[in-house]
Amino acid sequence: MKPISLLHKPLLKDPLCSKASLAKAVEEQIFDFCFLSKQEPVTIPCGHSYCMSCIIDCWEQKEPPYSCPQCRESFSQRPLLKKNTLIAEMMETLQKTSLQTAAVECDVCTTEKNRAVKSCLQCLASFCQTHLQLHHQSPAFMKHRLVEASKHIQENICLSHGKPLEIYCQDDDQCICCLCVTDNHKNHSVVSVDSEWTSKKEELQEIKVVCQKLTEERERGLQELSEAVKSFKSSAEEAVENTEKVFSELICSLEKKRSEIKEQIRAQEKTEIDRAEELHKHLDQELTELRKRQTEIEKLLITDDQIHCLKSCQSVCVLPKFEDIPSFTQHTHLSFKDVSISAFREVLEDVCQQQTGRITREVSDVHVAQTPEPKAADTFWQYFCQLQLDLNTAYKKLKLLEDNTKVSNVNVVQQYPDHPERFDGFPNVMCREGLYGRCYWEVECSGNIWVIAVCYKGMSRKGNSNGCKLGFNNKSFRLSRCQQNFTFIHNDKEVSIPAVPPSRIGVYLDHRAGTLSFYSVSDTMTLLHRVQTTFTEPLYPAFGIGEGSSVRIIEQRKAQIAQK
């Protein structure tokens, strides 16, 4: 676990302890660096004190219940952290006095050295209270500048001339003496040290304000980050529980459907077997009757008693009426082999694959903080999504090749069946996949007329209006080439792209952030155009292909090999 910034000894917890006693206790204890650097001290319910960022770090790395790192007292809920103002005041006092802990001795005392109280910038010496009186009483010393006693007073002497550093050279950004002005700093811009320090103090005050603002922003950011992580963990737990619930319900539903189908098959089996047995019984009776009648006829044929035969002939010559025997071999519905259980599995697997792919992209797009758009070419591929063209949307003169990953305009009508989703006015085709989250894909274009686009599924397909033309409505965005002109078009508004892209185009979509970027891909990736908007639905990659042109969707493996 990351080290916790805390007091090495517990602070006094007696509520009757005086402020003076507490101050003494604080001075006798060793504070960690985070306290000395003015991190906000807080006290938790057990009475122990820590800097806020460190105790938050400690608790963020553990699962509830939360506990004190020192006494291990646990809390059912995460305690509300409030600033300990008393300790903060003590720390501020200690920080101010710590700079003066190293005593400066009086330069005039000869025997027992007294502690200096002031240093003189003109005399370049430090004086105790007794020897300082001369600076207050003698007119010759009253104009000398006194400062707080410092061991570094000798640093105010010019090493070259032994004179006080009273002048500041703005060109060389250094303190100099009066002789340096005519020596190494001739014709330089110089001012007095007092004047420069006044200016610097104003600058430092401004920087201090900015620093304070940045500090507050980051402290607020830390708090917001902690809350975001807490919410993030809570949402993850909720998502896992919801996933368990949904899949359990789905499994139960499938089990129920399996039982229903099995019962239906068994019920149909019983019904038909009973019918077959009834038919079998009926056929047996008819067969017995026919065999009996056949025997009687055979007897009559061999008898010599013609009179008897003629009398009996009438009864045997009239056969009972029999129904036609049904066909038992020609009807395919007599077999359960043709019940499309495997088709059900294929459809279900296809839906599962599409939906799990969508969920996977959505899950990978969940972040505690917004992740910036990738810069390096390799990092784009972590968001790669494999696309496949949807045959049902393809214009009649577009030919799909290579397992529906390539489309060409061959200007020959293909024998596609009618479909409500097919483009019939423009040579367009869409992909099957609706994209959420962060996605990246690449295409390779050939020819002089092509369009790389994304659109909402509800974009019109029938006719020649702008509603059916990629980029010329509010439901589609396109990057296109027409001869030597490259443009981006959305909602019939056109932006010219001066750079001529190569044949390979990369498209990066951050659906949640509302970002759509087009890149030219060669040895490096060059941004061609970026859209910042709000996407309200899943986006489907789409392509427009002019006569003699084609577009091929690049597979991830081949693209990465090409980059290497």
Protein backbone atom coordinates (compact mmCIF):
# COMPACT_ATOMS: atom_id res chain seq x y z
CA MET A 1 0.00 0.00 0.00
CA LYS A 2 1.12 3.52 -0.74
CA PRO A 3 2.70 5.16 2.40
CA ILE A 4 0.21 7.23 4.35
CA SER A 5 1.16 10.80 5.25
CA LEU A 6 0.29 11.15 8.94
CA LEU A 7 1.58 12.32 12.30
CA HIS A 8 4.14 9.85 13.62
CA LYS A 9 2.52 10.26 17.06
CA PRO A 10 -1.19 10.85 17.68
CA LEU A 11 -2.18 14.42 18.49
CA LEU A 12 -3.68 15.21 21.87
CA LYS A 13 -7.28 14.09 22.00
CA ASP A 14 -8.21 15.67 25.35
CA PRO A 15 -10.98 18.22 24.62
CA LEU A 16 -9.81 20.26 27.62
CA CYS A 17 -6.31 20.62 26.21
CA SER A 18 -5.41 24.30 25.84
CA LYS A 19 -4.26 25.84 22.59
CA ALA A 20 -0.84 26.46 24.14
CA SER A 21 -0.56 22.82 25.17
CA LEU A 22 -1.56 21.70 21.72
CA ALA A 23 0.99 24.01 20.16
CA LYS A 24 3.68 22.54 22.42
CA ALA A 25 2.55 19.03 21.52
CA VAL A 26 2.69 19.88 17.82
CA GLU A 27 6.21 21.32 18.15
CA GLU A 28 7.41 18.16 19.92
CA GLN A 29 6.10 15.90 17.15
CA ILE A 30 7.54 15.22 13.71
CA PHE A 31 5.29 16.13 10.83
CA ASP A 32 5.34 14.45 7.47
CA PHE A 33 6.25 16.39 4.34
CA CYS A 34 2.66 16.73 3.18
CA PHE A 35 1.80 18.71 6.35
CA LEU A 36 4.85 20.93 5.98
CA SER A 37 3.87 21.62 2.37
CA LYS A 38 0.51 23.02 3.54
CA GLN A 39 -1.65 20.04 2.67
CA GLU A 40 -5.04 20.42 4.34
CA PRO A 41 -5.07 18.63 7.73
CA VAL A 42 -8.26 16.75 8.63
CA THR A 43 -9.39 14.77 11.67
CA ILE A 44 -11.37 11.53 11.43
CA PRO A 45 -13.89 10.35 14.09
CA CYS A 46 -11.34 8.34 16.08
CA GLY A 47 -9.37 11.55 16.71
CA HIS A 48 -6.31 10.92 14.55
CA SER A 49 -5.29 13.55 12.00
CA TYR A 50 -3.98 13.20 8.46
CA CYS A 51 -3.57 15.33 5.39
CA MET A 52 -6.71 15.06 3.26
CA SER A 53 -5.10 13.76 0.06
CA CYS A 54 -3.23 10.98 1.87
CA ILE A 55 -6.17 9.60 3.84
CA ILE A 56 -8.30 9.72 0.67
CA ASP A 57 -5.52 7.82 -1.19
CA CYS A 58 -5.47 5.25 1.61
CA TRP A 59 -9.21 4.67 1.53
CA GLU A 60 -9.36 4.62 -2.29
CA GLN A 61 -6.99 1.63 -2.30
CA LYS A 62 -9.16 -0.40 0.07
CA GLU A 63 -12.61 -1.88 0.01
CA PRO A 64 -15.17 -0.82 2.67
CA PRO A 65 -15.36 -0.79 5.66
CA TYR A 66 -12.97 2.14 6.04
CA SER A 67 -10.57 2.26 9.00
CA CYS A 68 -7.96 4.47 10.63
CA PRO A 69 -4.45 3.46 9.44
CA GLN A 70 -3.09 4.05 12.95
CA CYS A 71 -5.58 2.71 15.52
CA ARG A 72 -7.53 0.54 12.99
CA GLU A 73 -10.91 1.74 14.26
CA SER A 74 -13.37 0.99 11.46
CA PHE A 75 -16.34 2.99 10.20
CA SER A 76 -19.43 1.56 8.55
CA GLN A 77 -19.54 4.53 6.15
CA ARG A 78 -16.77 6.68 4.77
CA PRO A 79 -16.34 9.58 7.25
CA LEU A 80 -16.97 13.13 6.10
CA LEU A 81 -13.60 14.91 6.12
CA LYS A 82 -13.44 18.44 7.52
CA LYS A 83 -10.44 20.74 7.87
CA ASN A 84 -8.85 20.82 11.32
CA THR A 85 -8.42 24.59 11.65
CA LEU A 86 -6.49 24.39 14.93
CA ILE A 87 -3.78 22.18 13.51
CA ALA A 88 -3.72 24.27 10.34
CA GLU A 89 -3.01 27.41 12.39
CA MET A 90 -0.27 25.64 14.34
CA MET A 91 1.30 24.42 11.12
CA GLU A 92 1.24 27.91 9.62
CA THR A 93 2.99 29.27 12.72
CA LEU A 94 5.57 26.50 12.61
CA GLN A 95 6.24 27.14 8.92
CA LYS A 96 6.88 30.81 9.60
CA THR A 97 9.12 30.20 12.59
CA SER A 98 10.99 27.28 11.02
CA LEU A 99 12.73 29.68 8.67
CA GLN A 100 14.15 31.50 11.67
CA THR A 101 15.22 28.52 13.78
CA ALA A 102 18.87 28.95 12.81
CA ALA A 103 19.99 31.82 15.07
CA VAL A 104 22.14 34.61 13.60
CA GLU A 105 24.86 35.92 15.94
CA CYS A 106 25.73 39.57 16.42
CA ASP A 107 28.86 40.56 14.49
CA VAL A 108 29.85 43.22 17.11
CA CYS A 109 29.71 41.15 20.29
CA THR A 110 33.22 40.07 21.26
CA THR A 111 32.83 37.75 24.24
CA GLU A 112 29.45 36.11 24.53
CA LYS A 113 27.72 36.33 21.20
CA ASN A 114 24.16 37.57 21.46
CA ARG A 115 21.46 36.68 18.99
CA ALA A 116 21.17 39.22 16.16
CA VAL A 117 17.80 40.84 15.58
CA LYS A 118 18.59 42.88 12.46
CA SER A 119 21.04 42.89 9.57
CA CYS A 120 22.17 46.06 7.78
CA LEU A 121 22.40 45.99 4.00
CA GLN A 122 24.89 48.89 4.02
CA CYS A 123 27.11 47.69 6.85
CA LEU A 124 26.73 44.11 5.67
CA ALA A 125 26.67 43.00 9.29
CA SER A 126 24.13 41.70 11.82
CA PHE A 127 23.46 43.34 15.18
CA CYS A 128 21.88 42.36 18.50
CA GLN A 129 19.38 44.65 20.19
CA THR A 130 22.13 46.48 22.12
CA HIS A 131 24.51 47.16 19.22
CA LEU A 132 21.61 48.08 16.95
CA GLN A 133 20.98 51.27 18.98
CA LEU A 134 23.65 53.14 17.03
CA HIS A 135 21.59 52.71 13.83
CA HIS A 136 18.61 54.27 15.60
CA GLN A 137 20.52 57.12 17.30
CA SER A 138 23.32 58.24 14.95
CA PRO A 139 22.27 60.31 11.90
CA ALA A 140 25.08 58.67 9.91
CA PHE A 141 23.39 55.25 10.24
CA MET A 142 19.74 56.19 10.26
CA LYS A 143 19.52 55.97 6.46
CA HIS A 144 20.91 52.43 6.42
CA ARG A 145 18.45 49.76 5.46
CA LEU A 146 17.73 47.19 8.15
CA VAL A 147 16.24 43.75 7.43
CA GLU A 148 15.50 40.65 9.51
CA ALA A 149 18.67 39.01 10.79
CA SER A 150 20.11 36.72 8.12
CA LYS A 151 23.21 34.56 7.74
CA HIS A 152 23.22 35.36 4.05
CA ILE A 153 23.94 39.07 4.41
CA GLN A 154 27.43 38.64 2.88
CA GLU A 155 25.77 37.51 -0.32
CA ASN A 156 24.75 41.15 -0.81
CA ILE A 157 28.38 42.13 -1.58
CA CYS A 158 29.70 42.29 -5.14
CA LEU A 159 32.45 39.70 -5.49
CA SER A 160 34.28 41.81 -8.04
CA HIS A 161 34.27 45.24 -6.33
CA GLY A 162 33.32 44.56 -2.73
CA LYS A 163 30.46 47.04 -2.95
CA PRO A 164 26.81 46.49 -1.90
CA LEU A 165 24.54 45.04 -4.61
CA GLU A 166 22.16 47.99 -4.88
CA ILE A 167 21.43 47.95 -8.60
CA TYR A 168 19.58 45.42 -10.77
CA CYS A 169 20.52 44.81 -14.42
CA GLN A 170 17.37 43.92 -16.32
CA ASP A 171 19.29 42.83 -19.42
CA ASP A 172 21.36 40.23 -17.56
CA ASP A 173 18.75 39.57 -14.87
CA GLN A 174 21.18 39.96 -11.94
CA CYS A 175 22.02 42.22 -9.02
CA ILE A 176 25.14 44.40 -9.44
CA CYS A 177 26.97 47.18 -7.62
CA CYS A 178 27.44 50.79 -8.72
CA LEU A 179 30.88 50.04 -10.25
CA CYS A 180 29.50 47.15 -12.30
CA VAL A 181 27.31 49.63 -14.16
CA THR A 182 30.34 51.22 -15.86
CA ASP A 183 32.26 47.97 -16.06
CA ASN A 184 30.47 44.89 -17.45
CA HIS A 185 26.97 46.35 -17.75
CA LYS A 186 27.57 49.54 -19.67
CA ASN A 187 24.54 50.71 -21.69
CA HIS A 188 22.39 48.04 -20.04
CA SER A 189 18.95 48.80 -18.66
CA VAL A 190 19.40 49.13 -14.89
CA VAL A 191 17.13 50.07 -11.97
CA SER A 192 17.51 50.11 -8.22
CA VAL A 193 17.12 46.84 -6.34
CA ASP A 194 14.21 48.38 -4.42
CA SER A 195 12.42 49.31 -7.63
CA GLU A 196 12.98 45.89 -9.17
CA TRP A 197 11.88 44.14 -5.99
CA THR A 198 8.69 46.23 -5.88
CA SER A 199 7.97 45.16 -9.47
CA LYS A 200 8.85 41.53 -8.71
CA LYS A 201 6.63 41.56 -5.63
CA GLU A 202 3.69 42.64 -7.74
CA GLU A 203 4.50 39.88 -10.21
CA LEU A 204 4.86 37.36 -7.41
CA GLN A 205 1.54 38.46 -5.95
CA GLU A 206 -0.11 37.83 -9.30
CA ILE A 207 1.60 34.43 -9.58
CA LYS A 208 0.54 33.67 -6.01
CA VAL A 209 -3.08 34.38 -6.92
CA VAL A 210 -2.81 32.16 -10.00
CA CYS A 211 -1.05 29.47 -7.96
CA GLN A 212 -3.76 29.65 -5.31
CA LYS A 213 -6.43 29.33 -7.99
CA LEU A 214 -4.65 26.35 -9.55
CA THR A 215 -4.25 24.80 -6.10
CA GLU A 216 -7.95 25.21 -5.37
CA GLU A 217 -8.83 23.76 -8.76
CA ARG A 218 -6.65 20.73 -8.15
CA GLU A 219 -7.93 20.23 -4.62
CA ARG A 220 -11.43 20.43 -6.01
CA GLY A 221 -10.32 18.08 -8.80
CA LEU A 222 -9.03 15.58 -6.24
CA GLN A 223 -12.32 15.68 -4.40
CA GLU A 224 -14.28 15.35 -7.64
CA LEU A 225 -11.98 12.52 -8.75
CA SER A 226 -12.60 10.69 -5.47
CA GLU A 227 -16.32 11.11 -5.90
CA ALA A 228 -16.06 10.04 -9.55
CA VAL A 229 -14.12 6.90 -8.60
CA LYS A 230 -16.69 6.09 -5.94
CA SER A 231 -19.50 6.60 -8.45
CA PHE A 232 -17.50 4.65 -11.06
CA LYS A 233 -17.13 1.65 -8.72
CA SER A 234 -20.79 1.85 -7.78
CA SER A 235 -21.87 1.94 -11.44
CA ALA A 236 -19.55 -0.99 -12.24
CA GLU A 237 -21.07 -3.03 -9.42
CA GLU A 238 -24.56 -2.10 -10.59
CA ALA A 239 -23.66 -3.02 -14.19
CA VAL A 240 -22.30 -6.41 -13.07
CA GLU A 241 -25.44 -7.10 -11.02
CA ASN A 242 -27.62 -6.01 -13.93
CA THR A 243 -25.62 -8.24 -16.29
CA GLU A 244 -26.10 -11.20 -13.94
CA LYS A 245 -29.82 -10.46 -13.71
CA VAL A 246 -30.32 -10.01 -17.47
CA PHE A 247 -28.34 -13.10 -18.42
CA SER A 248 -30.03 -15.17 -15.71
CA GLU A 249 -33.41 -14.04 -17.03
CA LEU A 250 -32.24 -14.72 -20.57
CA ILE A 251 -31.04 -18.21 -19.63
CA CYS A 252 -34.35 -18.87 -17.87
CA SER A 253 -36.21 -17.59 -20.91
CA LEU A 254 -34.18 -19.84 -23.22
CA GLU A 255 -34.72 -22.80 -20.89
CA LYS A 256 -38.45 -22.07 -20.97
CA LYS A 257 -38.46 -21.79 -24.77
CA ARG A 258 -36.46 -25.01 -25.02
CA SER A 259 -39.01 -26.81 -22.83
CA GLU A 260 -41.91 -25.34 -24.81
CA ILE A 261 -40.40 -26.42 -28.13
CA LYS A 262 -39.62 -29.90 -26.77
CA GLU A 263 -43.17 -30.23 -25.43
CA GLN A 264 -44.56 -29.03 -28.75
CA ILE A 265 -42.45 -31.58 -30.64
CA ARG A 266 -43.52 -34.37 -28.26
CA ALA A 267 -47.15 -33.29 -28.42
CA GLN A 268 -47.05 -33.23 -32.23
CA GLU A 269 -45.28 -36.58 -32.18
CA LYS A 270 -48.03 -38.11 -29.99
CA THR A 271 -50.81 -36.58 -32.08
CA GLU A 272 -49.39 -37.91 -35.31
CA ILE A 273 -48.50 -41.32 -33.84
CA ASP A 274 -52.06 -41.68 -32.53
CA ARG A 275 -53.37 -40.70 -35.95
CA ALA A 276 -50.99 -43.16 -37.59
CA GLU A 277 -52.12 -45.95 -35.27
CA GLU A 278 -55.74 -45.15 -36.05
CA LEU A 279 -54.93 -45.21 -39.77
CA HIS A 280 -52.99 -48.45 -39.25
CA LYS A 281 -55.99 -50.04 -37.57
CA HIS A 282 -58.30 -48.86 -40.34
CA LEU A 283 -55.99 -50.18 -43.04
CA ASP A 284 -55.75 -53.52 -41.23
CA GLN A 285 -59.56 -53.80 -41.25
CA GLU A 286 -59.75 -52.93 -44.94
CA LEU A 287 -56.96 -55.36 -45.69
CA THR A 288 -58.81 -58.15 -43.80
CA GLU A 289 -62.01 -57.39 -45.70
CA LEU A 290 -60.20 -57.39 -49.06
CA ARG A 291 -58.40 -60.64 -48.31
CA LYS A 292 -61.70 -62.24 -47.29
CA ARG A 293 -63.38 -61.00 -50.45
CA GLN A 294 -60.42 -62.22 -52.53
CA THR A 295 -60.72 -65.70 -51.00
CA GLU A 296 -64.44 -65.88 -51.77
CA ILE A 297 -63.81 -64.85 -55.37
CA GLU A 298 -61.12 -67.50 -55.77
CA LYS A 299 -63.56 -70.16 -54.46
CA LEU A 300 -66.24 -69.06 -56.88
CA LEU A 301 -63.82 -69.20 -59.78
CA ILE A 302 -62.99 -72.82 -59.19
CA THR A 303 -66.51 -74.11 -58.43
CA ASP A 304 -68.61 -75.99 -61.06
CA ASP A 305 -71.95 -74.93 -59.63
CA GLN A 306 -72.76 -72.09 -61.97
CA ILE A 307 -76.12 -71.34 -60.39
CA HIS A 308 -74.52 -70.96 -56.97
CA CYS A 309 -71.78 -68.80 -58.47
CA LEU A 310 -74.24 -66.47 -60.13
CA LYS A 311 -76.20 -66.10 -56.91
CA SER A 312 -73.03 -65.38 -54.91
CA CYS A 313 -71.39 -63.23 -57.53
CA GLN A 314 -73.63 -60.31 -56.82
CA SER A 315 -72.40 -60.02 -53.22
CA VAL A 316 -68.72 -60.33 -53.99
CA CYS A 317 -68.59 -58.20 -57.13
CA VAL A 318 -69.52 -54.98 -55.33
CA LEU A 319 -66.47 -53.81 -53.37
CA PRO A 320 -66.88 -51.50 -50.40
CA LYS A 321 -65.81 -47.88 -50.87
CA PHE A 322 -62.21 -47.31 -49.72
CA GLU A 323 -60.52 -43.91 -49.21
CA ASP A 324 -57.30 -43.16 -51.07
CA ILE A 325 -54.19 -44.16 -49.17
CA PRO A 326 -52.15 -41.04 -48.24
CA SER A 327 -48.55 -40.73 -49.41
CA PHE A 328 -46.05 -41.53 -46.66
CA THR A 329 -42.77 -40.82 -48.45
CA GLN A 330 -43.20 -37.73 -50.63
CA HIS A 331 -44.22 -35.12 -48.03
CA THR A 332 -41.21 -33.42 -46.39
CA HIS A 333 -43.34 -32.16 -43.52
CA LEU A 334 -43.53 -35.72 -42.21
CA SER A 335 -39.98 -35.30 -40.82
CA PHE A 336 -38.81 -33.12 -37.92
CA LYS A 337 -35.44 -32.79 -39.63
CA ASP A 338 -36.62 -29.70 -41.47
CA VAL A 339 -37.67 -27.83 -38.31
CA SER A 340 -35.24 -24.89 -38.35
CA ILE A 341 -33.72 -25.21 -34.88
CA SER A 342 -30.22 -24.61 -36.29
CA ALA A 343 -31.48 -21.46 -38.01
CA PHE A 344 -32.77 -20.25 -34.65
CA ARG A 345 -29.31 -20.81 -33.20
CA GLU A 346 -27.62 -18.95 -36.06
CA VAL A 347 -29.95 -15.95 -35.73
CA LEU A 348 -29.50 -15.92 -31.97
CA GLU A 349 -25.71 -16.16 -32.24
CA ASP A 350 -25.67 -13.38 -34.83
CA VAL A 351 -27.72 -11.09 -32.60
CA CYS A 352 -25.57 -12.00 -29.58
CA GLN A 353 -22.39 -11.28 -31.50
CA GLN A 354 -23.63 -7.88 -32.66
CA GLN A 355 -24.97 -6.89 -29.26
CA THR A 356 -21.95 -8.13 -27.31
CA GLY A 357 -19.71 -6.25 -29.74
CA ARG A 358 -21.72 -3.10 -29.09
CA ILE A 359 -21.61 -3.66 -25.32
CA THR A 360 -17.85 -4.31 -25.47
CA ARG A 361 -17.28 -1.00 -27.25
CA GLU A 362 -19.51 0.79 -24.76
CA VAL A 363 -17.71 -0.78 -21.80
CA SER A 364 -14.27 0.12 -23.17
CA ASP A 365 -15.48 3.69 -23.57
CA VAL A 366 -16.32 4.12 -19.88
CA HIS A 367 -13.66 6.26 -18.17
CA VAL A 368 -13.33 8.07 -14.85
CA ALA A 369 -11.94 11.07 -16.75
CA GLN A 370 -12.30 11.97 -20.42
CA THR A 371 -9.51 10.35 -22.43
CA PRO A 372 -7.97 12.59 -25.11
CA GLU A 373 -8.05 11.60 -28.76
CA PRO A 374 -5.13 9.32 -29.72
CA LYS A 375 -2.09 10.96 -31.31
CA ALA A 376 0.21 8.12 -32.36
CA ALA A 377 -0.88 5.80 -35.18
CA ASP A 378 -0.53 2.64 -33.08
CA THR A 379 -2.87 3.90 -30.36
CA PHE A 380 -5.80 4.23 -32.75
CA TRP A 381 -5.93 0.47 -33.24
CA GLN A 382 -7.04 -0.18 -29.67
CA TYR A 383 -10.40 1.22 -30.84
CA PHE A 384 -10.48 -0.81 -34.08
CA CYS A 385 -13.83 -2.24 -35.20
CA GLN A 386 -14.20 -4.67 -38.08
CA LEU A 387 -16.87 -3.60 -40.57
CA GLN A 388 -18.90 -5.48 -43.15
CA LEU A 389 -20.98 -4.00 -45.96
CA ASP A 390 -24.74 -4.56 -45.85
CA LEU A 391 -25.85 -6.11 -49.14
CA ASN A 392 -29.46 -5.06 -48.52
CA THR A 393 -28.49 -1.37 -48.75
CA ALA A 394 -26.28 -1.52 -51.86
CA TYR A 395 -27.25 0.49 -54.96
CA LYS A 396 -28.08 -1.76 -57.94
CA LYS A 397 -24.85 -0.97 -59.86
CA LEU A 398 -22.53 -1.55 -56.92
CA LYS A 399 -20.80 -4.92 -56.70
CA LEU A 400 -19.74 -6.28 -53.30
CA LEU A 401 -16.55 -8.36 -53.16
CA GLU A 402 -14.14 -10.01 -50.70
CA ASP A 403 -16.73 -11.17 -48.16
CA ASN A 404 -18.56 -7.85 -48.36
CA THR A 405 -15.53 -5.76 -47.41
CA LYS A 406 -15.00 -4.20 -50.84
CA VAL A 407 -17.43 -2.33 -53.09
CA SER A 408 -16.96 -1.26 -56.72
CA ASN A 409 -19.16 0.69 -59.12
CA VAL A 410 -19.17 -1.58 -62.16
CA ASN A 411 -22.02 0.32 -63.93
CA VAL A 412 -23.80 -3.00 -64.49
CA VAL A 413 -27.12 -3.73 -62.81
CA GLN A 414 -26.72 -6.50 -60.21
CA GLN A 415 -29.52 -8.96 -59.56
CA TYR A 416 -30.34 -7.70 -56.09
CA PRO A 417 -33.85 -8.37 -54.70
CA ASP A 418 -36.02 -5.43 -53.73
CA HIS A 419 -35.44 -4.29 -50.18
CA PRO A 420 -36.82 -1.30 -48.21
CA GLU A 421 -33.32 -0.37 -46.99
CA ARG A 422 -31.69 -0.32 -50.47
CA PHE A 423 -30.51 2.98 -51.99
CA ASP A 424 -32.21 3.35 -55.36
CA GLY A 425 -31.22 6.88 -56.39
CA PHE A 426 -27.52 7.24 -55.44
CA PRO A 427 -24.59 4.75 -55.65
CA ASN A 428 -24.37 4.31 -51.86
CA VAL A 429 -23.96 1.39 -49.51
CA MET A 430 -23.97 1.18 -45.70
CA CYS A 431 -22.28 -1.15 -43.23
CA ARG A 432 -24.17 -3.55 -41.01
CA GLU A 433 -22.65 -2.26 -37.77
CA GLY A 434 -24.14 0.66 -35.81
CA LEU A 435 -21.29 2.29 -33.88
CA TYR A 436 -21.25 3.64 -30.33
CA GLY A 437 -18.37 4.69 -28.09
CA ARG A 438 -14.85 5.00 -29.52
CA CYS A 439 -14.29 3.34 -32.89
CA TYR A 440 -11.62 3.42 -35.55
CA TRP A 441 -11.51 1.97 -39.07
CA GLU A 442 -9.52 2.43 -42.26
CA VAL A 443 -10.48 2.20 -45.92
CA GLU A 444 -8.47 2.12 -49.12
CA CYS A 445 -9.94 4.14 -52.00
CA SER A 446 -9.26 3.93 -55.72
CA GLY A 447 -10.61 6.04 -58.56
CA ASN A 448 -11.49 9.72 -58.69
CA ILE A 449 -15.01 9.76 -57.26
CA TRP A 450 -15.70 8.32 -53.81
CA VAL A 451 -17.30 9.22 -50.49
CA ILE A 452 -16.36 8.10 -46.97
CA ALA A 453 -19.26 8.82 -44.60
CA VAL A 454 -21.22 7.98 -41.48
CA CYS A 455 -24.99 8.32 -41.16
CA TYR A 456 -27.94 7.57 -38.94
CA LYS A 457 -29.95 4.48 -39.79
CA GLY A 458 -33.04 6.60 -40.44
CA MET A 459 -31.48 8.35 -43.43
CA SER A 460 -33.75 8.18 -46.50
CA ARG A 461 -32.88 5.61 -49.17
CA LYS A 462 -35.52 6.03 -51.87
CA GLY A 463 -35.31 8.73 -54.54
CA ASN A 464 -32.89 11.46 -55.61
CA SER A 465 -33.56 14.11 -52.96
CA ASN A 466 -30.85 15.51 -50.67
CA GLY A 467 -32.32 13.38 -47.90
CA CYS A 468 -30.89 10.33 -49.71
CA LYS A 469 -27.54 11.93 -50.58
CA LEU A 470 -24.70 11.38 -48.12
CA GLY A 471 -23.61 14.66 -46.52
CA PHE A 472 -26.46 16.75 -47.90
CA ASN A 473 -28.75 16.32 -44.87
CA ASN A 474 -28.53 16.50 -41.08
CA LYS A 475 -28.34 12.71 -40.77
CA SER A 476 -24.99 12.15 -42.49
CA PHE A 477 -21.37 13.35 -42.54
CA ARG A 478 -19.05 12.79 -45.49
CA LEU A 479 -15.49 13.22 -46.69
CA SER A 480 -15.43 13.04 -50.49
CA ARG A 481 -13.24 13.21 -53.55
CA CYS A 482 -14.50 14.44 -56.88
CA GLN A 483 -11.62 14.43 -59.36
CA GLN A 484 -8.98 16.61 -57.67
CA ASN A 485 -11.33 18.35 -55.21
CA PHE A 486 -11.52 17.12 -51.59
CA THR A 487 -14.33 18.35 -49.35
CA PHE A 488 -16.16 17.67 -46.12
CA ILE A 489 -19.95 18.06 -46.29
CA HIS A 490 -22.65 17.95 -43.61
CA ASN A 491 -26.22 19.22 -43.89
CA ASP A 492 -25.42 20.62 -47.35
CA LYS A 493 -22.62 22.80 -45.93
CA GLU A 494 -19.27 22.29 -47.62
CA VAL A 495 -15.72 22.75 -46.28
CA SER A 496 -12.83 22.56 -48.72
CA ILE A 497 -9.83 20.43 -47.73
CA PRO A 498 -6.64 21.86 -49.27
CA ALA A 499 -4.37 18.89 -48.53
CA VAL A 500 -4.71 16.06 -51.03
CA PRO A 501 -5.06 12.85 -49.00
CA PRO A 502 -3.53 9.56 -50.08
CA SER A 503 -5.60 6.56 -51.03
CA ARG A 504 -5.92 5.33 -47.43
CA ILE A 505 -8.30 7.13 -45.07
CA GLY A 506 -8.63 6.54 -41.32
CA VAL A 507 -11.85 7.45 -39.49
CA TYR A 508 -11.98 7.93 -35.72
CA LEU A 509 -15.32 8.26 -33.92
CA ASP A 510 -15.85 9.19 -30.28
CA HIS A 511 -19.63 8.96 -30.14
CA ARG A 512 -19.99 10.10 -26.53
CA ALA A 513 -17.65 13.09 -26.96
CA GLY A 514 -19.32 14.00 -30.28
CA THR A 515 -16.05 13.83 -32.22
CA LEU A 516 -15.64 12.55 -35.80
CA SER A 517 -12.15 12.79 -37.33
CA PHE A 518 -10.84 11.91 -40.79
CA TYR A 519 -7.11 11.18 -41.26
CA SER A 520 -4.90 10.54 -44.23
CA VAL A 521 -2.80 7.48 -43.50
CA SER A 522 0.67 6.91 -44.89
CA ASP A 523 3.91 6.75 -42.90
CA THR A 524 2.23 9.21 -40.56
CA MET A 525 -1.34 10.21 -39.81
CA THR A 526 -2.44 13.69 -40.91
CA LEU A 527 -5.72 15.15 -39.70
CA LEU A 528 -7.89 16.19 -42.65
CA HIS A 529 -11.01 17.34 -40.85
CA ARG A 530 -12.62 17.03 -37.42
CA VAL A 531 -16.27 17.52 -36.49
CA GLN A 532 -17.40 18.45 -32.97
CA THR A 533 -21.12 17.94 -32.46
CA THR A 534 -23.64 15.87 -30.50
CA PHE A 535 -24.57 12.46 -31.88
CA THR A 536 -28.07 11.32 -30.93
CA GLU A 537 -28.10 7.81 -32.45
CA PRO A 538 -25.69 5.05 -33.43
CA LEU A 539 -23.70 5.91 -36.56
CA TYR A 540 -23.36 3.56 -39.53
CA PRO A 541 -20.29 3.79 -41.82
CA ALA A 542 -21.39 4.40 -45.40
CA PHE A 543 -19.73 4.84 -48.79
CA GLY A 544 -20.57 6.50 -52.08
CA ILE A 545 -18.84 5.07 -55.17
CA GLY A 546 -18.58 6.81 -58.54
CA GLU A 547 -18.29 4.86 -61.79
CA GLY A 548 -14.92 3.09 -62.04
CA SER A 549 -14.08 3.71 -58.37
CA SER A 550 -13.98 1.36 -55.40
CA VAL A 551 -13.51 1.32 -51.63
CA ARG A 552 -12.07 -1.52 -49.57
CA ILE A 553 -12.37 -1.84 -45.79
CA ILE A 554 -8.96 -2.63 -44.30
CA GLU A 555 -8.57 -5.54 -41.91
CA GLN A 556 -6.77 -4.69 -38.68
CA ARG A 557 -4.00 -7.25 -39.11
CA LYS A 558 -3.18 -6.20 -42.68
CA ALA A 559 -3.21 -2.51 -41.73
CA GLN A 560 -0.83 -3.02 -38.82
CA ILE A 561 1.52 -5.10 -40.94
CA ALA A 562 1.49 -2.34 -43.58
CA GLN A 563 2.36 0.25 -40.94
CA LYS A 564 5.31 -1.79 -39.73
